Amino acid sequence: MLADYFQKYEDAAVTKVAEGIERRIIHTDHLMLVVVDFYDGPTTSADPFHQHVHEQVSFMAEGEVLLWAGDEEPVHLKAGDMFAMKSDVPHTIQRLTKHVRIIDCFTPLREEFIIIDR
């Protein structure tokens, strides 16, 4: 079925992660793409650090952030920039613009992100 191969942004199921933060996903059996829209910026401080067993690569589609990873100094990223996180590396961002859109890919799947009965 063709619908198994595409997802239009405007038709994608939206998960409200927190006030001003939305997530849309598409995935296969082993790979996941996640579009995260942050409408709550700019923020005055970084979000709490988090980490996960999943490997992650990300593309900055819109906006600007400061990214902290591990013990490294923060890096300023803007639209067009990319970053990668190995498994279990603590990381976080601080949003520097009103709207930030980050496109994340994860392996293995972030099962907790999958919406049942779409």
N, C-alpha and C. Protein backbone atom coordinates (compact mmCIF):
# COMPACT_ATOMS: atom_id res chain seq x y z
N MET A 1 0.84 -1.18 0.00
CA MET A 1 0.00 0.00 0.00
C MET A 1 0.89 1.25 0.00
N LEU A 2 0.60 2.19 -0.86
CA LEU A 2 1.40 3.40 -1.01
C LEU A 2 1.50 4.18 0.29
N ALA A 3 0.45 4.19 1.08
CA ALA A 3 0.46 4.96 2.33
C ALA A 3 1.51 4.44 3.32
N ASP A 4 2.00 3.22 3.13
CA ASP A 4 3.05 2.69 3.98
C ASP A 4 4.40 3.35 3.71
N TYR A 5 4.50 4.11 2.61
CA TYR A 5 5.79 4.64 2.17
C TYR A 5 5.93 6.14 2.33
N PHE A 6 4.90 6.84 2.76
CA PHE A 6 5.02 8.29 2.88
C PHE A 6 4.15 8.80 4.03
N GLN A 7 4.49 10.01 4.46
CA GLN A 7 3.70 10.68 5.49
C GLN A 7 3.74 12.17 5.19
N LYS A 8 2.59 12.75 4.89
CA LYS A 8 2.54 14.19 4.68
C LYS A 8 2.58 14.89 6.04
N TYR A 9 3.37 15.94 6.12
CA TYR A 9 3.55 16.66 7.38
C TYR A 9 2.22 17.07 7.98
N GLU A 10 1.34 17.65 7.16
CA GLU A 10 0.06 18.16 7.68
C GLU A 10 -0.88 17.05 8.11
N ASP A 11 -0.63 15.80 7.66
CA ASP A 11 -1.48 14.68 8.04
C ASP A 11 -0.88 13.82 9.15
N ALA A 12 0.36 14.08 9.50
CA ALA A 12 1.05 13.26 10.50
C ALA A 12 0.41 13.43 11.87
N ALA A 13 0.35 12.34 12.60
CA ALA A 13 -0.12 12.41 13.99
C ALA A 13 0.84 13.27 14.79
N VAL A 14 0.30 14.15 15.60
CA VAL A 14 1.11 15.08 16.39
C VAL A 14 1.07 14.65 17.85
N THR A 15 2.24 14.54 18.44
CA THR A 15 2.35 14.31 19.87
C THR A 15 2.82 15.60 20.51
N LYS A 16 2.05 16.10 21.46
CA LYS A 16 2.45 17.30 22.21
C LYS A 16 3.37 16.82 23.33
N VAL A 17 4.65 17.09 23.18
CA VAL A 17 5.66 16.63 24.13
C VAL A 17 5.59 17.45 25.41
N ALA A 18 5.43 18.76 25.26
CA ALA A 18 5.30 19.70 26.36
C ALA A 18 4.68 20.96 25.76
N GLU A 19 4.40 21.94 26.57
CA GLU A 19 3.84 23.18 26.05
C GLU A 19 4.81 23.79 25.04
N GLY A 20 4.33 23.98 23.79
CA GLY A 20 5.16 24.58 22.75
C GLY A 20 6.10 23.63 22.04
N ILE A 21 5.96 22.31 22.27
CA ILE A 21 6.84 21.33 21.63
C ILE A 21 5.99 20.21 21.03
N GLU A 22 6.14 19.99 19.72
CA GLU A 22 5.38 18.96 19.00
C GLU A 22 6.32 17.99 18.30
N ARG A 23 5.87 16.73 18.20
CA ARG A 23 6.67 15.69 17.56
C ARG A 23 5.82 14.94 16.54
N ARG A 24 6.41 14.68 15.36
CA ARG A 24 5.80 13.85 14.32
C ARG A 24 6.81 12.78 13.95
N ILE A 25 6.34 11.56 13.69
CA ILE A 25 7.28 10.48 13.38
C ILE A 25 6.84 9.68 12.16
N ILE A 26 7.84 9.03 11.56
CA ILE A 26 7.62 7.98 10.57
C ILE A 26 8.74 6.98 10.80
N HIS A 27 8.45 5.69 10.57
CA HIS A 27 9.48 4.69 10.84
C HIS A 27 9.27 3.43 10.02
N THR A 28 10.35 2.70 9.88
CA THR A 28 10.30 1.34 9.34
C THR A 28 10.46 0.40 10.53
N ASP A 29 10.81 -0.84 10.27
CA ASP A 29 11.01 -1.77 11.38
C ASP A 29 12.27 -1.47 12.18
N HIS A 30 13.25 -0.76 11.57
CA HIS A 30 14.54 -0.58 12.23
C HIS A 30 15.05 0.85 12.27
N LEU A 31 14.36 1.78 11.63
CA LEU A 31 14.84 3.16 11.55
C LEU A 31 13.68 4.11 11.76
N MET A 32 13.95 5.22 12.45
CA MET A 32 12.90 6.18 12.79
C MET A 32 13.36 7.59 12.45
N LEU A 33 12.47 8.36 11.83
CA LEU A 33 12.68 9.79 11.59
C LEU A 33 11.66 10.54 12.43
N VAL A 34 12.14 11.55 13.15
CA VAL A 34 11.30 12.33 14.05
C VAL A 34 11.48 13.80 13.73
N VAL A 35 10.37 14.51 13.49
CA VAL A 35 10.40 15.95 13.29
C VAL A 35 9.90 16.58 14.58
N VAL A 36 10.77 17.40 15.20
CA VAL A 36 10.41 18.06 16.45
C VAL A 36 10.35 19.56 16.20
N ASP A 37 9.20 20.14 16.47
CA ASP A 37 9.00 21.59 16.36
C ASP A 37 8.93 22.17 17.76
N PHE A 38 9.81 23.13 18.02
CA PHE A 38 9.83 23.86 19.28
C PHE A 38 9.31 25.26 18.98
N TYR A 39 8.22 25.65 19.62
CA TYR A 39 7.63 26.98 19.45
C TYR A 39 7.79 27.81 20.72
N ASP A 40 8.66 27.38 21.62
CA ASP A 40 8.75 28.00 22.94
C ASP A 40 10.01 28.85 23.14
N GLY A 41 10.70 29.16 22.06
CA GLY A 41 11.95 29.89 22.20
C GLY A 41 11.77 31.39 22.04
N PRO A 42 12.83 32.11 22.24
CA PRO A 42 14.09 31.59 22.78
C PRO A 42 13.96 31.25 24.26
N THR A 43 14.74 30.27 24.70
CA THR A 43 14.72 29.87 26.11
C THR A 43 15.89 30.51 26.83
N THR A 44 15.73 30.72 28.13
CA THR A 44 16.76 31.41 28.91
C THR A 44 17.85 30.47 29.41
N SER A 45 17.61 29.17 29.32
CA SER A 45 18.60 28.19 29.76
C SER A 45 18.42 26.91 28.98
N ALA A 46 19.37 26.02 29.12
CA ALA A 46 19.31 24.73 28.43
C ALA A 46 18.28 23.82 29.10
N ASP A 47 17.72 22.91 28.31
CA ASP A 47 16.87 21.86 28.86
C ASP A 47 17.74 20.94 29.73
N PRO A 48 17.13 20.13 30.60
CA PRO A 48 17.93 19.16 31.36
C PRO A 48 18.63 18.19 30.40
N PHE A 49 19.83 17.76 30.78
CA PHE A 49 20.53 16.73 29.99
C PHE A 49 19.71 15.46 29.97
N HIS A 50 19.80 14.73 28.88
CA HIS A 50 19.20 13.40 28.79
C HIS A 50 20.14 12.52 27.97
N GLN A 51 19.92 11.24 28.03
CA GLN A 51 20.69 10.30 27.23
C GLN A 51 19.82 9.08 26.97
N HIS A 52 20.20 8.32 25.95
CA HIS A 52 19.44 7.13 25.57
C HIS A 52 20.37 6.16 24.87
N VAL A 53 19.96 4.91 24.81
CA VAL A 53 20.78 3.88 24.16
C VAL A 53 20.78 4.03 22.64
N HIS A 54 19.83 4.79 22.11
CA HIS A 54 19.67 4.93 20.67
C HIS A 54 20.78 5.81 20.09
N GLU A 55 21.30 5.43 18.91
CA GLU A 55 22.16 6.33 18.16
C GLU A 55 21.25 7.35 17.47
N GLN A 56 21.75 8.57 17.33
CA GLN A 56 20.92 9.66 16.81
C GLN A 56 21.76 10.52 15.86
N VAL A 57 21.19 10.84 14.71
CA VAL A 57 21.74 11.88 13.85
C VAL A 57 20.63 12.89 13.63
N SER A 58 21.00 14.18 13.58
CA SER A 58 20.00 15.23 13.54
C SER A 58 20.38 16.31 12.55
N PHE A 59 19.35 16.90 11.95
CA PHE A 59 19.49 17.99 10.99
C PHE A 59 18.71 19.18 11.51
N MET A 60 19.35 20.33 11.56
CA MET A 60 18.70 21.57 11.98
C MET A 60 17.95 22.13 10.76
N ALA A 61 16.64 21.97 10.73
CA ALA A 61 15.85 22.44 9.59
C ALA A 61 15.51 23.93 9.71
N GLU A 62 15.28 24.40 10.93
CA GLU A 62 14.95 25.82 11.16
C GLU A 62 15.48 26.24 12.52
N GLY A 63 15.81 27.52 12.64
CA GLY A 63 16.17 28.09 13.91
C GLY A 63 17.63 27.91 14.29
N GLU A 64 17.90 28.26 15.56
CA GLU A 64 19.26 28.19 16.10
C GLU A 64 19.20 27.66 17.52
N VAL A 65 20.22 26.87 17.88
CA VAL A 65 20.33 26.31 19.23
C VAL A 65 21.78 26.33 19.68
N LEU A 66 21.96 26.19 20.98
CA LEU A 66 23.23 25.79 21.55
C LEU A 66 23.09 24.31 21.88
N LEU A 67 24.07 23.51 21.50
CA LEU A 67 24.06 22.07 21.76
C LEU A 67 25.20 21.72 22.71
N TRP A 68 24.86 21.01 23.78
CA TRP A 68 25.86 20.45 24.69
C TRP A 68 25.86 18.95 24.49
N ALA A 69 27.05 18.35 24.42
CA ALA A 69 27.18 16.89 24.29
C ALA A 69 28.34 16.43 25.16
N GLY A 70 28.06 15.49 26.06
CA GLY A 70 29.09 15.00 26.95
C GLY A 70 29.70 16.13 27.76
N ASP A 71 31.02 16.16 27.83
CA ASP A 71 31.74 17.19 28.59
C ASP A 71 32.22 18.33 27.70
N GLU A 72 31.80 18.35 26.44
CA GLU A 72 32.26 19.35 25.48
C GLU A 72 31.63 20.72 25.76
N GLU A 73 32.29 21.76 25.32
CA GLU A 73 31.72 23.11 25.37
C GLU A 73 30.53 23.18 24.41
N PRO A 74 29.55 24.04 24.67
CA PRO A 74 28.39 24.12 23.77
C PRO A 74 28.80 24.61 22.39
N VAL A 75 28.05 24.15 21.39
CA VAL A 75 28.27 24.52 19.99
C VAL A 75 27.02 25.23 19.49
N HIS A 76 27.20 26.33 18.78
CA HIS A 76 26.09 27.08 18.19
C HIS A 76 25.75 26.44 16.84
N LEU A 77 24.50 26.01 16.68
CA LEU A 77 24.05 25.39 15.44
C LEU A 77 22.89 26.20 14.86
N LYS A 78 22.82 26.25 13.53
CA LYS A 78 21.74 26.96 12.84
C LYS A 78 21.21 26.08 11.72
N ALA A 79 20.16 26.56 11.07
CA ALA A 79 19.53 25.80 9.98
C ALA A 79 20.59 25.33 8.98
N GLY A 80 20.54 24.06 8.63
CA GLY A 80 21.49 23.45 7.71
C GLY A 80 22.58 22.66 8.41
N ASP A 81 22.80 22.90 9.70
CA ASP A 81 23.83 22.17 10.44
C ASP A 81 23.30 20.80 10.87
N MET A 82 24.24 19.93 11.22
CA MET A 82 23.90 18.56 11.62
C MET A 82 24.70 18.18 12.86
N PHE A 83 24.20 17.18 13.58
CA PHE A 83 24.98 16.61 14.68
C PHE A 83 24.64 15.15 14.83
N ALA A 84 25.53 14.41 15.52
CA ALA A 84 25.35 12.98 15.74
C ALA A 84 25.65 12.66 17.20
N MET A 85 24.85 11.79 17.79
CA MET A 85 25.04 11.36 19.17
C MET A 85 25.21 9.84 19.20
N LYS A 86 26.30 9.42 19.78
CA LYS A 86 26.48 7.99 20.01
C LYS A 86 25.60 7.57 21.18
N SER A 87 25.43 6.29 21.34
CA SER A 87 24.63 5.73 22.41
C SER A 87 25.12 6.21 23.77
N ASP A 88 24.16 6.59 24.63
CA ASP A 88 24.40 6.94 26.03
C ASP A 88 25.23 8.20 26.28
N VAL A 89 25.37 9.08 25.29
CA VAL A 89 26.07 10.35 25.51
C VAL A 89 25.06 11.38 26.03
N PRO A 90 25.29 11.95 27.21
CA PRO A 90 24.38 12.98 27.72
C PRO A 90 24.42 14.21 26.80
N HIS A 91 23.25 14.76 26.50
CA HIS A 91 23.18 15.92 25.60
C HIS A 91 21.93 16.74 25.89
N THR A 92 21.96 18.00 25.42
CA THR A 92 20.82 18.89 25.58
C THR A 92 20.96 20.07 24.63
N ILE A 93 19.89 20.85 24.53
CA ILE A 93 19.93 22.08 23.73
C ILE A 93 19.32 23.23 24.50
N GLN A 94 19.66 24.41 24.03
CA GLN A 94 18.99 25.65 24.43
C GLN A 94 18.55 26.33 23.15
N ARG A 95 17.28 26.66 23.05
CA ARG A 95 16.75 27.29 21.85
C ARG A 95 17.06 28.78 21.87
N LEU A 96 17.60 29.27 20.75
CA LEU A 96 17.99 30.68 20.63
C LEU A 96 17.02 31.48 19.79
N THR A 97 16.09 30.83 19.10
CA THR A 97 15.12 31.50 18.25
C THR A 97 13.71 31.06 18.63
N LYS A 98 12.72 31.82 18.18
CA LYS A 98 11.32 31.55 18.52
C LYS A 98 10.89 30.16 18.07
N HIS A 99 11.25 29.78 16.84
CA HIS A 99 10.89 28.46 16.31
C HIS A 99 12.15 27.71 15.95
N VAL A 100 12.23 26.46 16.40
CA VAL A 100 13.32 25.55 16.05
C VAL A 100 12.67 24.27 15.54
N ARG A 101 13.15 23.78 14.40
CA ARG A 101 12.72 22.47 13.89
C ARG A 101 13.96 21.61 13.71
N ILE A 102 13.96 20.49 14.42
CA ILE A 102 15.06 19.53 14.32
C ILE A 102 14.50 18.22 13.78
N ILE A 103 15.20 17.65 12.82
CA ILE A 103 14.83 16.36 12.24
C ILE A 103 15.82 15.33 12.74
N ASP A 104 15.33 14.39 13.54
CA ASP A 104 16.15 13.36 14.17
C ASP A 104 15.93 12.02 13.51
N CYS A 105 16.98 11.23 13.41
CA CYS A 105 16.88 9.82 13.01
C CYS A 105 17.46 8.98 14.14
N PHE A 106 16.76 7.92 14.49
CA PHE A 106 17.17 7.05 15.59
C PHE A 106 17.24 5.60 15.15
N THR A 107 18.21 4.91 15.69
CA THR A 107 18.28 3.46 15.61
C THR A 107 18.86 2.95 16.92
N PRO A 108 18.28 1.93 17.52
CA PRO A 108 17.01 1.31 17.17
C PRO A 108 15.85 2.29 17.39
N LEU A 109 14.65 1.84 17.06
CA LEU A 109 13.47 2.68 17.20
C LEU A 109 13.29 3.17 18.64
N ARG A 110 12.83 4.40 18.77
CA ARG A 110 12.41 4.91 20.08
C ARG A 110 10.98 4.43 20.28
N GLU A 111 10.84 3.24 20.79
CA GLU A 111 9.52 2.61 20.94
C GLU A 111 8.55 3.51 21.71
N GLU A 112 9.06 4.28 22.67
CA GLU A 112 8.19 5.14 23.47
C GLU A 112 7.60 6.28 22.66
N PHE A 113 8.12 6.54 21.46
CA PHE A 113 7.59 7.59 20.60
C PHE A 113 6.45 7.10 19.70
N ILE A 114 6.35 5.80 19.51
CA ILE A 114 5.39 5.26 18.55
C ILE A 114 3.97 5.36 19.10
N ILE A 115 3.11 5.96 18.31
CA ILE A 115 1.71 6.13 18.68
C ILE A 115 0.93 4.90 18.21
N ILE A 116 0.25 4.27 19.12
CA ILE A 116 -0.52 3.06 18.82
C ILE A 116 -1.87 3.49 18.21
N ASP A 117 -2.35 2.70 17.26
CA ASP A 117 -3.67 2.91 16.64
C ASP A 117 -3.79 4.28 16.01
N ARG A 118 -2.91 4.58 15.10
CA ARG A 118 -2.97 5.87 14.39
C ARG A 118 -4.28 6.04 13.72
